Amino acid sequence: MLGGIVAPIDEWGSFCRRWQAVLNKYNARLFHFREWATASAIARKIREPESNFSKNPYCGWTSQALDAFLLELATIAGDGNKLIVGGAVYTDLFHKAKISGDVPINADPYEHCIDQYFISVEGTISIQRAPWKRQPVSFFFDWTEDEKWQHAIMGRFNYFKKKHSTFKELTFAHKEHHLPLQAADMIAYRGRQITEKWVDGDRREWPELDSALYKSTFAFLETHKAEVLTAYLRGELEYEYSQRTRDAI
């Protein structure tokens, strides 16, 4: 799962001040969803702490403090003049689809996920913020030591950059020093949770979190129900359609 937030430059100053204020309020060095989820499971006695849990930035927090911290940050991430974007692929189902012939045998699930992300950026802007379409877009991805993954992201970015003159640059940065990447981490991790639970038939929800985090998405869906349903019925939300779109743009 890749997830992120698109917003005008002048939006990020206010975002960073508010985000940092919440980190300071809870005496937290940063937000990282995986570590938060581990601490939450331990606080709720769902799992036992491992030997290195003392290094977790949320070690010793109560479940109430963890939930309040997450919800305050989610409200900031979803508030203001922002758009939520992302791409996802469930690798097990993707490989099964390749075997069945529903997906091309040479298709790569990770390349597909990256493509979905860049398609989402262009498409979401065009549909939800048409005045932004001519504005330059700079991308920041979380730093990784995985050179193969870095190369894959840069390769697909360069492909889409040739198609979209507004795509200007892509930088890898450390989320410890780049607050918007912490919000993107929240989007990606929560999106992965939702996707996996949907595929696995798990209907447990956290509406308070999702309504705050995906505020702009829910607002758009609420006012465009007919268009979304029509796109679904036309098959425009399926893999094959996204591949054709990718090749055409």
Protein backbone atom coordinates (compact mmCIF):
# COMPACT_ATOMS: atom_id res chain seq x y z
CA MET A 1 0.00 0.00 0.00
CA LEU A 2 1.21 3.47 -0.94
CA GLY A 3 -0.59 6.45 0.52
CA GLY A 4 -0.12 10.15 0.66
CA ILE A 5 -1.56 13.63 0.84
CA VAL A 6 -1.67 16.29 -1.87
CA ALA A 7 -1.95 19.92 -0.82
CA PRO A 8 -0.82 23.40 -1.91
CA ILE A 9 2.50 24.63 -0.52
CA ASP A 10 0.83 27.15 1.78
CA GLU A 11 -1.10 24.36 3.49
CA TRP A 12 1.98 22.65 4.89
CA GLY A 13 3.13 25.40 7.24
CA SER A 14 -0.05 25.23 9.31
CA PHE A 15 -0.04 21.44 9.12
CA CYS A 16 3.51 21.16 10.49
CA ARG A 17 2.83 23.54 13.37
CA ARG A 18 -0.31 21.66 14.39
CA TRP A 19 1.27 18.22 14.00
CA GLN A 20 4.32 19.20 16.03
CA ALA A 21 2.10 20.66 18.75
CA VAL A 22 0.40 17.27 19.17
CA LEU A 23 3.75 15.48 19.27
CA ASN A 24 4.86 17.92 21.97
CA LYS A 25 1.61 17.53 23.90
CA TYR A 26 2.14 13.77 24.17
CA ASN A 27 5.93 14.03 24.51
CA ALA A 28 6.30 11.92 21.36
CA ARG A 29 9.39 12.08 19.16
CA LEU A 30 7.45 11.19 16.02
CA PHE A 31 4.45 9.26 14.73
CA HIS A 32 4.97 5.85 13.19
CA PHE A 33 1.86 3.72 12.72
CA ARG A 34 3.53 0.31 12.92
CA GLU A 35 5.07 1.14 16.29
CA TRP A 36 1.77 2.68 17.42
CA ALA A 37 -0.09 -0.51 16.41
CA THR A 38 2.39 -2.66 18.33
CA ALA A 39 2.04 -0.51 21.45
CA SER A 40 -1.76 -0.54 21.10
CA ALA A 41 -1.89 -4.35 20.87
CA ILE A 42 0.31 -4.66 23.95
CA ALA A 43 -1.65 -2.04 25.93
CA ARG A 44 -4.84 -3.96 25.15
CA LYS A 45 -3.13 -7.24 26.13
CA ILE A 46 -3.71 -8.68 22.67
CA ARG A 47 -0.03 -9.62 22.48
CA GLU A 48 2.97 -9.84 24.77
CA PRO A 49 5.80 -7.34 24.43
CA GLU A 50 9.01 -8.52 22.78
CA SER A 51 12.43 -7.95 24.32
CA ASN A 52 13.02 -4.75 22.35
CA PHE A 53 9.66 -3.15 23.16
CA SER A 54 11.35 -0.66 25.49
CA LYS A 55 12.67 1.07 22.34
CA ASN A 56 9.14 1.65 21.08
CA PRO A 57 8.38 5.41 21.39
CA TYR A 58 4.96 4.58 22.87
CA CYS A 59 6.15 2.04 25.39
CA GLY A 60 4.13 2.37 28.61
CA TRP A 61 1.28 4.39 27.07
CA THR A 62 -2.27 3.45 27.97
CA SER A 63 -4.73 2.45 25.26
CA GLN A 64 -6.68 5.63 25.99
CA ALA A 65 -3.61 7.83 25.44
CA LEU A 66 -2.69 5.93 22.27
CA ASP A 67 -6.19 6.34 20.82
CA ALA A 68 -6.40 10.02 21.69
CA PHE A 69 -2.95 10.66 20.17
CA LEU A 70 -3.88 8.91 16.93
CA LEU A 71 -7.23 10.64 16.59
CA GLU A 72 -5.76 14.10 17.14
CA LEU A 73 -3.15 13.49 14.46
CA ALA A 74 -5.71 11.98 12.09
CA THR A 75 -7.86 15.09 12.42
CA ILE A 76 -4.90 17.25 11.39
CA ALA A 77 -3.99 14.94 8.49
CA GLY A 78 -7.53 14.98 7.10
CA ASP A 79 -8.34 18.63 7.79
CA GLY A 80 -7.85 21.64 5.55
CA ASN A 81 -7.34 21.89 1.80
CA LYS A 82 -5.91 18.40 1.26
CA LEU A 83 -6.58 15.36 -0.88
CA ILE A 84 -5.92 11.74 0.07
CA VAL A 85 -4.26 9.63 -2.63
CA GLY A 86 -2.98 6.09 -2.78
CA GLY A 87 -2.48 2.81 -4.53
CA ALA A 88 -2.84 -0.73 -3.23
CA VAL A 89 -2.44 -4.32 -4.30
CA TYR A 90 -3.14 -7.50 -2.35
CA THR A 91 -0.21 -9.63 -3.49
CA ASP A 92 -1.74 -13.06 -2.77
CA LEU A 93 -4.85 -12.28 -4.79
CA PHE A 94 -2.75 -10.60 -7.48
CA HIS A 95 -0.67 -13.74 -8.02
CA LYS A 96 -3.79 -15.92 -8.02
CA ALA A 97 -5.25 -13.61 -10.68
CA LYS A 98 -2.08 -14.07 -12.77
CA ILE A 99 -2.44 -17.85 -12.56
CA SER A 100 -6.11 -17.68 -13.53
CA GLY A 101 -5.38 -15.36 -16.43
CA ASP A 102 -7.36 -12.43 -15.06
CA VAL A 103 -4.12 -10.42 -14.85
CA PRO A 104 -1.27 -10.53 -17.40
CA ILE A 105 1.29 -13.16 -16.42
CA ASN A 106 4.18 -10.68 -16.64
CA ALA A 107 2.45 -8.09 -14.40
CA ASP A 108 4.38 -7.08 -11.30
CA PRO A 109 2.27 -6.39 -8.17
CA TYR A 110 4.63 -3.76 -6.78
CA GLU A 111 4.89 -1.93 -10.09
CA HIS A 112 1.11 -2.05 -10.28
CA CYS A 113 0.86 -0.53 -6.79
CA ILE A 114 3.26 2.28 -7.70
CA ASP A 115 1.36 2.93 -10.92
CA GLN A 116 -1.91 3.07 -9.02
CA TYR A 117 -0.42 5.67 -6.73
CA PHE A 118 0.70 8.03 -9.52
CA ILE A 119 -2.56 7.50 -11.40
CA SER A 120 -4.39 8.34 -8.17
CA VAL A 121 -2.49 11.61 -7.79
CA GLU A 122 -3.30 12.80 -11.31
CA GLY A 123 -6.86 11.49 -11.26
CA THR A 124 -7.78 12.77 -7.81
CA ILE A 125 -6.50 16.25 -8.62
CA SER A 126 -8.38 16.30 -11.93
CA ILE A 127 -11.64 15.17 -10.38
CA GLN A 128 -11.61 16.86 -6.98
CA ARG A 129 -9.40 19.95 -7.47
CA ALA A 130 -9.47 20.86 -11.15
CA PRO A 131 -7.87 24.32 -10.53
CA TRP A 132 -4.73 22.49 -9.32
CA LYS A 133 -4.20 20.64 -12.61
CA ARG A 134 -1.58 23.07 -13.93
CA GLN A 135 0.28 23.40 -10.62
CA PRO A 136 3.70 21.71 -10.31
CA VAL A 137 3.76 18.62 -8.09
CA SER A 138 6.76 17.53 -6.03
CA PHE A 139 6.79 14.09 -4.41
CA PHE A 140 8.36 13.05 -1.13
CA PHE A 141 8.70 9.36 -0.34
CA ASP A 142 9.84 7.80 2.90
CA TRP A 143 13.52 6.91 2.86
CA THR A 144 14.35 3.24 2.36
CA GLU A 145 17.60 1.29 2.24
CA ASP A 146 15.99 -1.04 -0.30
CA GLU A 147 17.68 0.07 -3.52
CA LYS A 148 15.44 -2.14 -5.64
CA TRP A 149 12.35 -0.42 -4.23
CA GLN A 150 13.89 3.02 -4.68
CA HIS A 151 14.76 2.16 -8.29
CA ALA A 152 11.23 0.88 -8.94
CA ILE A 153 9.65 4.08 -7.60
CA MET A 154 12.01 6.34 -9.56
CA GLY A 155 11.49 4.31 -12.70
CA ARG A 156 7.72 4.59 -12.57
CA PHE A 157 7.94 8.27 -11.58
CA ASN A 158 10.08 9.01 -14.63
CA TYR A 159 7.55 7.17 -16.78
CA PHE A 160 4.67 9.32 -15.52
CA LYS A 161 6.77 12.48 -15.52
CA LYS A 162 7.05 12.15 -19.29
CA LYS A 163 3.26 12.01 -19.49
CA HIS A 164 2.50 14.80 -17.01
CA SER A 165 4.48 18.01 -17.26
CA THR A 166 3.30 19.02 -13.78
CA PHE A 167 5.22 16.12 -12.18
CA LYS A 168 8.49 17.88 -11.32
CA GLU A 169 10.66 15.99 -8.83
CA LEU A 170 10.76 13.08 -6.40
CA THR A 171 12.81 13.03 -3.20
CA PHE A 172 13.35 10.38 -0.55
CA ALA A 173 13.37 11.81 2.99
CA HIS A 174 13.39 10.57 6.58
CA LYS A 175 10.01 10.81 8.27
CA GLU A 176 11.71 11.71 11.58
CA HIS A 177 12.52 15.10 10.06
CA HIS A 178 9.67 15.40 7.56
CA LEU A 179 6.33 15.71 9.35
CA PRO A 180 4.11 15.30 6.25
CA LEU A 181 5.67 11.86 5.71
CA GLN A 182 4.41 10.86 9.15
CA ALA A 183 0.89 11.70 8.02
CA ALA A 184 1.47 9.78 4.77
CA ASP A 185 2.56 6.81 6.88
CA MET A 186 -0.77 7.01 8.70
CA ILE A 187 -2.67 7.09 5.40
CA ALA A 188 -0.75 4.13 3.98
CA TYR A 189 -0.92 1.94 7.08
CA ARG A 190 -4.58 2.59 7.75
CA GLY A 191 -5.37 2.04 4.08
CA ARG A 192 -3.59 -1.29 4.23
CA GLN A 193 -5.56 -2.28 7.34
CA ILE A 194 -8.86 -1.42 5.66
CA THR A 195 -7.93 -3.23 2.44
CA GLU A 196 -6.75 -6.39 4.19
CA LYS A 197 -9.80 -6.52 6.45
CA TRP A 198 -12.08 -6.04 3.45
CA VAL A 199 -10.39 -8.85 1.52
CA ASP A 200 -10.41 -11.13 4.57
CA GLY A 201 -14.06 -10.41 5.32
CA ASP A 202 -13.27 -8.61 8.59
CA ARG A 203 -15.95 -5.98 9.12
CA ARG A 204 -14.53 -4.37 12.27
CA GLU A 205 -14.37 -0.62 11.76
CA TRP A 206 -13.14 2.53 13.47
CA PRO A 207 -15.47 5.18 12.00
CA GLU A 208 -14.18 8.00 14.20
CA LEU A 209 -10.65 7.52 12.89
CA ASP A 210 -11.61 7.01 9.25
CA SER A 211 -14.04 9.92 9.09
CA ALA A 212 -11.28 12.23 10.37
CA LEU A 213 -8.46 10.82 8.26
CA TYR A 214 -10.41 10.46 5.02
CA LYS A 215 -12.51 13.57 5.47
CA SER A 216 -11.97 14.89 1.92
CA THR A 217 -12.65 11.48 0.38
CA PHE A 218 -15.92 10.98 2.26
CA ALA A 219 -17.01 14.51 1.38
CA PHE A 220 -16.40 13.84 -2.30
CA LEU A 221 -18.19 10.48 -2.24
CA GLU A 222 -21.16 11.99 -0.44
CA THR A 223 -21.67 14.59 -3.16
CA HIS A 224 -20.85 12.29 -6.12
CA LYS A 225 -22.58 9.02 -5.28
CA ALA A 226 -24.11 8.64 -8.73
CA GLU A 227 -20.81 9.19 -10.57
CA VAL A 228 -18.94 6.71 -8.37
CA LEU A 229 -21.62 4.06 -8.85
CA THR A 230 -21.58 4.62 -12.61
CA ALA A 231 -17.78 4.25 -12.72
CA TYR A 232 -18.05 1.01 -10.77
CA LEU A 233 -20.72 -0.40 -13.08
CA ARG A 234 -18.64 0.53 -16.13
CA GLY A 235 -15.66 -1.35 -14.72
CA GLU A 236 -13.58 1.80 -14.43
CA LEU A 237 -12.42 0.84 -10.94
CA GLU A 238 -10.98 -2.51 -12.02
CA TYR A 239 -7.37 -3.50 -12.74
CA GLU A 240 -7.75 -3.86 -16.50
CA TYR A 241 -9.18 -0.36 -16.81
CA SER A 242 -6.31 1.15 -14.81
CA GLN A 243 -3.81 -0.63 -17.06
CA ARG A 244 -5.45 0.77 -20.19
CA THR A 245 -5.50 4.21 -18.59
CA ARG A 246 -1.83 3.96 -17.70
CA ASP A 247 -0.87 3.03 -21.25
CA ALA A 248 -2.99 5.83 -22.71
CA ILE A 249 -1.74 8.73 -20.60
